[in-house]
Amino acid sequence: MHRKRLNDLVRKNDVLYFAGAPYTGQAYAITGQGIVGHIYDVEVGVIAGNSIDMLPLLEKEAMRIEYDFLDYSDDGVILYNGTPFSGVAYSFEQTVLVDESLFSEGLSIRNCREWYISGQPKSIVSVEGTIGWYEDGSIKEQSVTKGDFDVYSLNTGAPNKLRWLTLTDQYECNSDVLETFGLAKRLVLDGVKIDDVKLTVVEKNGDFKNIVSLHIMDSSVTDKNITCIDLTNVKEFRLSRNIYVRSETLQALKKKYPHCEICVDDKYL
């Protein structure tokens, strides 16, 4: 969906145009003081009504303000007309809305949405977690947050290439997530819910042969699966704080794959 200031659209015979074509998307009516007074849904140049696609105002005196009308205090507090800002700030780039962020008393409260210049979604951040996309719509990153910690996080190094996966004991995740993605050349698997089953799924992935660096940390992976890993093309294999993996098992693995640098708890074999 396109998101633009109402003033950046051209009105002809009660039809709104952008770049010569009837406009479809959201239109933000902004005053000379930067106040976003209305957000409209526009369909083929015609205002269909007030939009409901927006971050909520959480405080009685909160406002919607274009970011260019906000200032920073010396200690980093966001101000509007010299007062700590509470409300939603809107940032435009090349006439396109690229950021919508929520503030309370001049401080971000971890609730924002971002878009690419093309209008495609870029990210959604909240106290519950994060999801980010590449411009083609594929997942870039994802997390679930409880308190101050991510209990699940996923990061890709390129579209559909898993680079980092964290699974803690506070998050239930089956192996399907590992089957959805290919693998980046450098892969990190982190957390107690990384077990023998999930490691087997990773190794069966068609991209495993292209991995040059594999790091497993704080996992439940056991000796049995460690000895089964094919490290033929892996140049560096790191293990950190994996309580079910014995040192003698890794020594045997090192003899089998002498080309591979094997590091255990920051010590190379």
C-alpha atoms as a PDB file:
ATOM      1  CA  MET A   1       0.000   0.000   0.000  1.00  0.00           C
ATOM      2  CA  HIS A   2       1.182   3.515  -0.816  1.00  0.00           C
ATOM      3  CA  ARG A   3       1.298   6.076   2.024  1.00  0.00           C
ATOM      4  CA  LYS A   4       1.746   9.775   1.160  1.00  0.00           C
ATOM      5  CA  ARG A   5       0.987  13.259   2.450  1.00  0.00           C
ATOM      6  CA  LEU A   6      -2.297  14.629   1.129  1.00  0.00           C
ATOM      7  CA  ASN A   7      -0.425  17.772   0.043  1.00  0.00           C
ATOM      8  CA  ASP A   8       1.819  15.669  -2.226  1.00  0.00           C
ATOM      9  CA  LEU A   9      -1.218  14.580  -4.240  1.00  0.00           C
ATOM     10  CA  VAL A  10      -2.795  16.623  -7.044  1.00  0.00           C
ATOM     11  CA  ARG A  11      -6.562  17.165  -6.961  1.00  0.00           C
ATOM     12  CA  LYS A  12      -8.368  17.423 -10.314  1.00  0.00           C
ATOM     13  CA  ASN A  13     -12.164  17.415 -10.488  1.00  0.00           C
ATOM     14  CA  ASP A  14     -12.311  15.944  -6.959  1.00  0.00           C
ATOM     15  CA  VAL A  15      -9.980  13.079  -7.949  1.00  0.00           C
ATOM     16  CA  LEU A  16      -6.566  12.717  -6.291  1.00  0.00           C
ATOM     17  CA  TYR A  17      -3.603  11.973  -8.564  1.00  0.00           C
ATOM     18  CA  PHE A  18       0.025  11.115  -8.031  1.00  0.00           C
ATOM     19  CA  ALA A  19       2.515  11.049 -10.913  1.00  0.00           C
ATOM     20  CA  GLY A  20      -0.365  11.464 -13.364  1.00  0.00           C
ATOM     21  CA  ALA A  21      -2.399   8.462 -12.185  1.00  0.00           C
ATOM     22  CA  PRO A  22      -5.400   8.250  -9.841  1.00  0.00           C
ATOM     23  CA  TYR A  23      -3.986   7.538  -6.402  1.00  0.00           C
ATOM     24  CA  THR A  24      -4.787   4.486  -4.281  1.00  0.00           C
ATOM     25  CA  GLY A  25      -3.425   4.191  -0.741  1.00  0.00           C
ATOM     26  CA  GLN A  26      -3.360   6.239   2.443  1.00  0.00           C
ATOM     27  CA  ALA A  27      -3.235  10.039   2.477  1.00  0.00           C
ATOM     28  CA  TYR A  28      -2.032  12.007   5.515  1.00  0.00           C
ATOM     29  CA  ALA A  29      -3.547  15.460   6.006  1.00  0.00           C
ATOM     30  CA  ILE A  30      -0.834  17.486   7.780  1.00  0.00           C
ATOM     31  CA  THR A  31      -1.158  21.082   9.015  1.00  0.00           C
ATOM     32  CA  GLY A  32       1.511  23.793   8.896  1.00  0.00           C
ATOM     33  CA  GLN A  33       2.460  22.878  12.476  1.00  0.00           C
ATOM     34  CA  GLY A  34       3.138  19.274  11.497  1.00  0.00           C
ATOM     35  CA  ILE A  35      -0.049  17.918  13.074  1.00  0.00           C
ATOM     36  CA  VAL A  36      -1.489  14.872  11.296  1.00  0.00           C
ATOM     37  CA  GLY A  37      -5.158  15.795  11.480  1.00  0.00           C
ATOM     38  CA  HIS A  38      -6.644  13.008   9.395  1.00  0.00           C
ATOM     39  CA  ILE A  39      -5.509   9.796   7.733  1.00  0.00           C
ATOM     40  CA  TYR A  40      -7.659   8.858   4.758  1.00  0.00           C
ATOM     41  CA  ASP A  41      -8.106   5.715   2.726  1.00  0.00           C
ATOM     42  CA  VAL A  42      -8.083   6.639  -0.960  1.00  0.00           C
ATOM     43  CA  GLU A  43      -9.353   4.336  -3.696  1.00  0.00           C
ATOM     44  CA  VAL A  44      -8.650   5.204  -7.347  1.00  0.00           C
ATOM     45  CA  GLY A  45      -8.383   8.880  -6.489  1.00  0.00           C
ATOM     46  CA  VAL A  46     -11.483   9.091  -4.285  1.00  0.00           C
ATOM     47  CA  ILE A  47     -11.371   9.437  -0.492  1.00  0.00           C
ATOM     48  CA  ALA A  48     -13.228   6.401   0.866  1.00  0.00           C
ATOM     49  CA  GLY A  49     -13.167   7.505   4.509  1.00  0.00           C
ATOM     50  CA  ASN A  50     -10.986   7.710   7.585  1.00  0.00           C
ATOM     51  CA  SER A  51      -8.385   4.965   7.825  1.00  0.00           C
ATOM     52  CA  ILE A  52      -8.065   2.630  10.804  1.00  0.00           C
ATOM     53  CA  ASP A  53      -4.617   1.403   9.729  1.00  0.00           C
ATOM     54  CA  MET A  54      -2.465   3.300  12.235  1.00  0.00           C
ATOM     55  CA  LEU A  55      -0.712   2.935  15.570  1.00  0.00           C
ATOM     56  CA  PRO A  56      -3.047   3.822  18.464  1.00  0.00           C
ATOM     57  CA  LEU A  57      -2.712   6.895  20.655  1.00  0.00           C
ATOM     58  CA  LEU A  58      -2.250   5.577  24.194  1.00  0.00           C
ATOM     59  CA  GLU A  59      -2.506   8.819  26.159  1.00  0.00           C
ATOM     60  CA  LYS A  60      -5.270  11.420  26.402  1.00  0.00           C
ATOM     61  CA  GLU A  61      -3.146  14.374  25.243  1.00  0.00           C
ATOM     62  CA  ALA A  62      -1.174  12.380  22.657  1.00  0.00           C
ATOM     63  CA  MET A  63      -0.826  13.739  19.125  1.00  0.00           C
ATOM     64  CA  ARG A  64       0.141  12.619  15.643  1.00  0.00           C
ATOM     65  CA  ILE A  65       3.064  14.706  14.342  1.00  0.00           C
ATOM     66  CA  GLU A  66       5.300  14.649  11.271  1.00  0.00           C
ATOM     67  CA  TYR A  67       8.839  13.832  12.433  1.00  0.00           C
ATOM     68  CA  ASP A  68      10.396  16.904  10.802  1.00  0.00           C
ATOM     69  CA  PHE A  69       8.554  19.081  13.338  1.00  0.00           C
ATOM     70  CA  LEU A  70      10.099  17.312  16.336  1.00  0.00           C
ATOM     71  CA  ASP A  71      13.346  18.208  18.092  1.00  0.00           C
ATOM     72  CA  TYR A  72      15.845  16.459  20.365  1.00  0.00           C
ATOM     73  CA  SER A  73      16.787  17.718  23.811  1.00  0.00           C
ATOM     74  CA  ASP A  74      20.414  17.553  24.936  1.00  0.00           C
ATOM     75  CA  ASP A  75      19.691  14.267  26.718  1.00  0.00           C
ATOM     76  CA  GLY A  76      17.974  12.670  23.711  1.00  0.00           C
ATOM     77  CA  VAL A  77      14.332  13.297  24.639  1.00  0.00           C
ATOM     78  CA  ILE A  78      12.004  13.923  21.671  1.00  0.00           C
ATOM     79  CA  LEU A  79      10.296  17.330  21.927  1.00  0.00           C
ATOM     80  CA  TYR A  80       7.372  19.030  20.231  1.00  0.00           C
ATOM     81  CA  ASN A  81       7.250  22.790  20.746  1.00  0.00           C
ATOM     82  CA  GLY A  82       9.747  22.372  23.583  1.00  0.00           C
ATOM     83  CA  THR A  83       7.675  19.761  25.446  1.00  0.00           C
ATOM     84  CA  PRO A  84       8.432  15.999  25.697  1.00  0.00           C
ATOM     85  CA  PHE A  85       6.408  14.426  22.930  1.00  0.00           C
ATOM     86  CA  SER A  86       3.721  11.790  23.495  1.00  0.00           C
ATOM     87  CA  GLY A  87       2.054  10.274  20.478  1.00  0.00           C
ATOM     88  CA  VAL A  88       2.891   8.910  17.048  1.00  0.00           C
ATOM     89  CA  ALA A  89       5.600  10.393  14.834  1.00  0.00           C
ATOM     90  CA  TYR A  90       5.528  10.030  11.040  1.00  0.00           C
ATOM     91  CA  SER A  91       8.668  10.162   8.903  1.00  0.00           C
ATOM     92  CA  PHE A  92       8.464  10.706   5.126  1.00  0.00           C
ATOM     93  CA  GLU A  93      11.154  10.156   2.520  1.00  0.00           C
ATOM     94  CA  GLN A  94      10.721  11.076  -1.147  1.00  0.00           C
ATOM     95  CA  THR A  95       7.000  11.767  -0.414  1.00  0.00           C
ATOM     96  CA  VAL A  96       6.586   8.223   1.018  1.00  0.00           C
ATOM     97  CA  LEU A  97       5.862   7.338   4.661  1.00  0.00           C
ATOM     98  CA  VAL A  98       8.789   5.165   5.799  1.00  0.00           C
ATOM     99  CA  ASP A  99       8.376   5.161   9.597  1.00  0.00           C
ATOM    100  CA  GLU A 100       5.552   5.367  12.141  1.00  0.00           C
ATOM    101  CA  SER A 101       6.769   5.315  15.764  1.00  0.00           C
ATOM    102  CA  LEU A 102       5.110   5.633  19.164  1.00  0.00           C
ATOM    103  CA  PHE A 103       6.525   7.877  21.938  1.00  0.00           C
ATOM    104  CA  SER A 104       5.630   8.599  25.553  1.00  0.00           C
ATOM    105  CA  GLU A 105       7.051  11.626  27.372  1.00  0.00           C
ATOM    106  CA  GLY A 106       9.679  11.982  24.655  1.00  0.00           C
ATOM    107  CA  LEU A 107      10.897   8.378  24.742  1.00  0.00           C
ATOM    108  CA  SER A 108      10.327   5.524  22.322  1.00  0.00           C
ATOM    109  CA  ILE A 109       8.112   2.796  23.789  1.00  0.00           C
ATOM    110  CA  ARG A 110       9.135   0.083  21.299  1.00  0.00           C
ATOM    111  CA  ASN A 111       6.197   0.227  18.972  1.00  0.00           C
ATOM    112  CA  CYS A 112       6.857   1.170  15.366  1.00  0.00           C
ATOM    113  CA  ARG A 113       6.292   0.228  11.739  1.00  0.00           C
ATOM    114  CA  GLU A 114       8.598   0.796   8.762  1.00  0.00           C
ATOM    115  CA  TRP A 115       8.164   0.649   4.996  1.00  0.00           C
ATOM    116  CA  TYR A 116      10.430   0.661   1.972  1.00  0.00           C
ATOM    117  CA  ILE A 117      10.193   3.521  -0.532  1.00  0.00           C
ATOM    118  CA  SER A 118       8.267   1.104  -2.749  1.00  0.00           C
ATOM    119  CA  GLY A 119       5.560   0.886  -0.083  1.00  0.00           C
ATOM    120  CA  GLN A 120       6.384  -2.696   0.837  1.00  0.00           C
ATOM    121  CA  PRO A 121       6.455  -3.459   4.598  1.00  0.00           C
ATOM    122  CA  LYS A 122       9.957  -3.363   6.128  1.00  0.00           C
ATOM    123  CA  SER A 123       9.421  -4.107   9.825  1.00  0.00           C
ATOM    124  CA  ILE A 124       7.019  -4.148  12.756  1.00  0.00           C
ATOM    125  CA  VAL A 125       8.448  -3.753  16.257  1.00  0.00           C
ATOM    126  CA  SER A 126       6.484  -4.107  19.495  1.00  0.00           C
ATOM    127  CA  VAL A 127       7.041  -5.143  23.099  1.00  0.00           C
ATOM    128  CA  GLU A 128       6.006  -8.669  22.057  1.00  0.00           C
ATOM    129  CA  GLY A 129       8.706  -8.985  19.411  1.00  0.00           C
ATOM    130  CA  THR A 130       9.874  -8.043  15.943  1.00  0.00           C
ATOM    131  CA  ILE A 131       9.312  -9.085  12.373  1.00  0.00           C
ATOM    132  CA  GLY A 132      11.253  -7.715   9.415  1.00  0.00           C
ATOM    133  CA  TRP A 133      11.029  -8.377   5.696  1.00  0.00           C
ATOM    134  CA  TYR A 134      13.183  -8.004   2.628  1.00  0.00           C
ATOM    135  CA  GLU A 135      11.582  -5.902  -0.076  1.00  0.00           C
ATOM    136  CA  ASP A 136      10.495  -9.046  -1.932  1.00  0.00           C
ATOM    137  CA  GLY A 137       8.361 -10.005   1.077  1.00  0.00           C
ATOM    138  CA  SER A 138      10.557 -12.805   2.426  1.00  0.00           C
ATOM    139  CA  ILE A 139      11.396 -12.889   6.149  1.00  0.00           C
ATOM    140  CA  LYS A 140      14.551 -10.997   7.170  1.00  0.00           C
ATOM    141  CA  GLU A 141      14.285 -11.341  10.949  1.00  0.00           C
ATOM    142  CA  GLN A 142      11.788 -12.418  13.555  1.00  0.00           C
ATOM    143  CA  SER A 143      11.721 -12.534  17.345  1.00  0.00           C
ATOM    144  CA  VAL A 144       9.427 -13.152  20.306  1.00  0.00           C
ATOM    145  CA  THR A 145      10.184 -11.165  23.462  1.00  0.00           C
ATOM    146  CA  LYS A 146       9.255 -11.942  27.061  1.00  0.00           C
ATOM    147  CA  GLY A 147      10.320  -9.316  29.557  1.00  0.00           C
ATOM    148  CA  ASP A 148      13.724  -8.022  28.504  1.00  0.00           C
ATOM    149  CA  PHE A 149      14.796 -11.114  26.565  1.00  0.00           C
ATOM    150  CA  ASP A 150      14.167 -12.685  23.180  1.00  0.00           C
ATOM    151  CA  VAL A 151      12.954 -16.239  23.768  1.00  0.00           C
ATOM    152  CA  TYR A 152      12.948 -16.895  20.031  1.00  0.00           C
ATOM    153  CA  SER A 153      14.835 -15.134  17.280  1.00  0.00           C
ATOM    154  CA  LEU A 154      15.575 -15.820  13.655  1.00  0.00           C
ATOM    155  CA  ASN A 155      17.871 -13.881  11.361  1.00  0.00           C
ATOM    156  CA  THR A 156      18.704 -14.357   7.706  1.00  0.00           C
ATOM    157  CA  GLY A 157      21.840 -13.264   5.868  1.00  0.00           C
ATOM    158  CA  ALA A 158      20.007 -13.079   2.533  1.00  0.00           C
ATOM    159  CA  PRO A 159      16.430 -13.786   1.403  1.00  0.00           C
ATOM    160  CA  ASN A 160      15.402 -17.276   2.583  1.00  0.00           C
ATOM    161  CA  LYS A 161      18.906 -18.050   3.961  1.00  0.00           C
ATOM    162  CA  LEU A 162      18.894 -18.816   7.685  1.00  0.00           C
ATOM    163  CA  ARG A 163      21.907 -17.276   9.469  1.00  0.00           C
ATOM    164  CA  TRP A 164      20.964 -17.354  13.175  1.00  0.00           C
ATOM    165  CA  LEU A 165      18.315 -19.229  15.130  1.00  0.00           C
ATOM    166  CA  THR A 166      17.732 -18.939  18.878  1.00  0.00           C
ATOM    167  CA  LEU A 167      15.293 -21.301  20.620  1.00  0.00           C
ATOM    168  CA  THR A 168      15.041 -21.083  24.413  1.00  0.00           C
ATOM    169  CA  ASP A 169      13.123 -23.263  26.850  1.00  0.00           C
ATOM    170  CA  GLN A 170      10.425 -20.564  27.016  1.00  0.00           C
ATOM    171  CA  TYR A 171       9.394 -20.975  23.389  1.00  0.00           C
ATOM    172  CA  GLU A 172       7.881 -23.986  21.644  1.00  0.00           C
ATOM    173  CA  CYS A 173       8.991 -24.386  18.044  1.00  0.00           C
ATOM    174  CA  ASN A 174       8.844 -27.459  15.845  1.00  0.00           C
ATOM    175  CA  SER A 175      11.313 -28.299  13.099  1.00  0.00           C
ATOM    176  CA  ASP A 176       9.171 -26.744  10.360  1.00  0.00           C
ATOM    177  CA  VAL A 177      10.911 -23.393  10.752  1.00  0.00           C
ATOM    178  CA  LEU A 178      14.202 -25.026   9.751  1.00  0.00           C
ATOM    179  CA  GLU A 179      12.630 -26.631   6.704  1.00  0.00           C
ATOM    180  CA  THR A 180      11.260 -23.290   5.483  1.00  0.00           C
ATOM    181  CA  PHE A 181      14.665 -21.700   4.874  1.00  0.00           C
ATOM    182  CA  GLY A 182      17.846 -22.456   3.053  1.00  0.00           C
ATOM    183  CA  LEU A 183      21.101 -21.916   4.954  1.00  0.00           C
ATOM    184  CA  ALA A 184      23.588 -19.047   4.901  1.00  0.00           C
ATOM    185  CA  LYS A 185      27.275 -19.879   4.603  1.00  0.00           C
ATOM    186  CA  ARG A 186      27.732 -18.943   8.264  1.00  0.00           C
ATOM    187  CA  LEU A 187      25.156 -20.440  10.598  1.00  0.00           C
ATOM    188  CA  VAL A 188      24.585 -20.050  14.356  1.00  0.00           C
ATOM    189  CA  LEU A 189      22.222 -22.320  16.306  1.00  0.00           C
ATOM    190  CA  ASP A 190      21.595 -21.128  19.854  1.00  0.00           C
ATOM    191  CA  GLY A 191      19.481 -22.285  22.782  1.00  0.00           C
ATOM    192  CA  VAL A 192      18.419 -25.330  24.760  1.00  0.00           C
ATOM    193  CA  LYS A 193      15.631 -26.166  22.301  1.00  0.00           C
ATOM    194  CA  ILE A 194      18.267 -26.786  19.615  1.00  0.00           C
ATOM    195  CA  ASP A 195      18.408 -30.561  19.978  1.00  0.00           C
ATOM    196  CA  ASP A 196      19.371 -33.652  17.975  1.00  0.00           C
ATOM    197  CA  VAL A 197      16.172 -33.537  15.924  1.00  0.00           C
ATOM    198  CA  LYS A 198      16.656 -29.946  14.832  1.00  0.00           C
ATOM    199  CA  LEU A 199      20.356 -30.452  14.093  1.00  0.00           C
ATOM    200  CA  THR A 200      19.455 -33.434  11.873  1.00  0.00           C
ATOM    201  CA  VAL A 201      16.972 -31.269   9.982  1.00  0.00           C
ATOM    202  CA  VAL A 202      19.685 -28.634   9.449  1.00  0.00           C
ATOM    203  CA  GLU A 203      22.188 -31.167   8.128  1.00  0.00           C
ATOM    204  CA  LYS A 204      19.649 -32.615   5.682  1.00  0.00           C
ATOM    205  CA  ASN A 205      19.086 -29.142   4.214  1.00  0.00           C
ATOM    206  CA  GLY A 206      20.395 -28.987   0.669  1.00  0.00           C
ATOM    207  CA  ASP A 207      22.457 -25.896   1.492  1.00  0.00           C
ATOM    208  CA  PHE A 208      24.423 -27.591   4.294  1.00  0.00           C
ATOM    209  CA  LYS A 209      27.176 -28.537   1.857  1.00  0.00           C
ATOM    210  CA  ASN A 210      27.796 -24.801   1.311  1.00  0.00           C
ATOM    211  CA  ILE A 211      28.274 -23.928   5.000  1.00  0.00           C
ATOM    212  CA  VAL A 212      31.793 -22.763   5.836  1.00  0.00           C
ATOM    213  CA  SER A 213      31.165 -21.875   9.501  1.00  0.00           C
ATOM    214  CA  LEU A 214      28.855 -23.593  12.014  1.00  0.00           C
ATOM    215  CA  HIS A 215      28.428 -22.440  15.622  1.00  0.00           C
ATOM    216  CA  ILE A 216      26.262 -24.339  18.123  1.00  0.00           C
ATOM    217  CA  MET A 217      25.815 -22.846  21.598  1.00  0.00           C
ATOM    218  CA  ASP A 218      23.847 -23.561  24.792  1.00  0.00           C
ATOM    219  CA  SER A 219      22.096 -26.438  23.027  1.00  0.00           C
ATOM    220  CA  SER A 220      20.759 -29.880  23.948  1.00  0.00           C
ATOM    221  CA  VAL A 221      22.643 -31.566  21.102  1.00  0.00           C
ATOM    222  CA  THR A 222      24.274 -34.856  22.195  1.00  0.00           C
ATOM    223  CA  ASP A 223      27.451 -36.763  21.316  1.00  0.00           C
ATOM    224  CA  LYS A 224      25.536 -39.047  18.989  1.00  0.00           C
ATOM    225  CA  ASN A 225      24.545 -36.297  16.582  1.00  0.00           C
ATOM    226  CA  ILE A 226      27.797 -34.376  16.856  1.00  0.00           C
ATOM    227  CA  THR A 227      29.735 -37.386  15.548  1.00  0.00           C
ATOM    228  CA  CYS A 228      27.302 -37.726  12.642  1.00  0.00           C
ATOM    229  CA  ILE A 229      27.809 -34.191  11.335  1.00  0.00           C
ATOM    230  CA  ASP A 230      29.450 -34.095   7.921  1.00  0.00           C
ATOM    231  CA  LEU A 231      32.123 -31.376   8.158  1.00  0.00           C
ATOM    232  CA  THR A 232      33.616 -32.048   4.738  1.00  0.00           C
ATOM    233  CA  ASN A 233      33.102 -28.462   3.546  1.00  0.00           C
ATOM    234  CA  VAL A 234      32.969 -26.714   6.956  1.00  0.00           C
ATOM    235  CA  LYS A 235      36.117 -24.718   7.667  1.00  0.00           C
ATOM    236  CA  GLU A 236      35.216 -23.690  11.229  1.00  0.00           C
ATOM    237  CA  PHE A 237      33.063 -25.573  13.747  1.00  0.00           C
ATOM    238  CA  ARG A 238      32.472 -23.827  17.079  1.00  0.00           C
ATOM    239  CA  LEU A 239      30.735 -25.233  20.145  1.00  0.00           C
ATOM    240  CA  SER A 240      29.980 -23.207  23.268  1.00  0.00           C
ATOM    241  CA  ARG A 241      28.461 -24.423  26.524  1.00  0.00           C
ATOM    242  CA  ASN A 242      26.907 -27.615  25.106  1.00  0.00           C
ATOM    243  CA  ILE A 243      26.654 -29.777  28.225  1.00  0.00           C
ATOM    244  CA  TYR A 244      25.888 -33.080  26.464  1.00  0.00           C
ATOM    245  CA  VAL A 245      28.973 -33.038  24.225  1.00  0.00           C
ATOM    246  CA  ARG A 246      32.149 -34.623  25.624  1.00  0.00           C
ATOM    247  CA  SER A 247      35.676 -33.480  24.733  1.00  0.00           C
ATOM    248  CA  GLU A 248      36.787 -36.968  23.633  1.00  0.00           C
ATOM    249  CA  THR A 249      34.012 -36.982  21.048  1.00  0.00           C
ATOM    250  CA  LEU A 250      35.333 -33.766  19.564  1.00  0.00           C
ATOM    251  CA  GLN A 251      38.886 -35.076  19.492  1.00  0.00           C
ATOM    252  CA  ALA A 252      37.658 -37.971  17.352  1.00  0.00           C
ATOM    253  CA  LEU A 253      35.844 -35.507  15.093  1.00  0.00           C
ATOM    254  CA  LYS A 254      39.030 -33.471  14.699  1.00  0.00           C
ATOM    255  CA  LYS A 255      40.947 -36.550  13.547  1.00  0.00           C
ATOM    256  CA  LYS A 256      38.245 -37.308  10.999  1.00  0.00           C
ATOM    257  CA  TYR A 257      38.219 -33.745   9.609  1.00  0.00           C
ATOM    258  CA  PRO A 258      41.747 -32.322  10.129  1.00  0.00           C
ATOM    259  CA  HIS A 259      41.052 -29.457   7.680  1.00  0.00           C
ATOM    260  CA  CYS A 260      38.267 -28.105   9.939  1.00  0.00           C
ATOM    261  CA  GLU A 261      39.100 -25.754  12.801  1.00  0.00           C
ATOM    262  CA  ILE A 262      37.161 -27.016  15.814  1.00  0.00           C
ATOM    263  CA  CYS A 263      36.766 -24.614  18.720  1.00  0.00           C
ATOM    264  CA  VAL A 264      35.223 -25.619  22.057  1.00  0.00           C
ATOM    265  CA  ASP A 265      34.407 -22.885  24.572  1.00  0.00           C
ATOM    266  CA  ASP A 266      36.867 -20.509  22.878  1.00  0.00           C
ATOM    267  CA  LYS A 267      39.700 -23.075  22.773  1.00  0.00           C
ATOM    268  CA  TYR A 268      40.817 -24.603  19.481  1.00  0.00           C
ATOM    269  CA  LEU A 269      41.550 -28.318  19.402  1.00  0.00           C
END
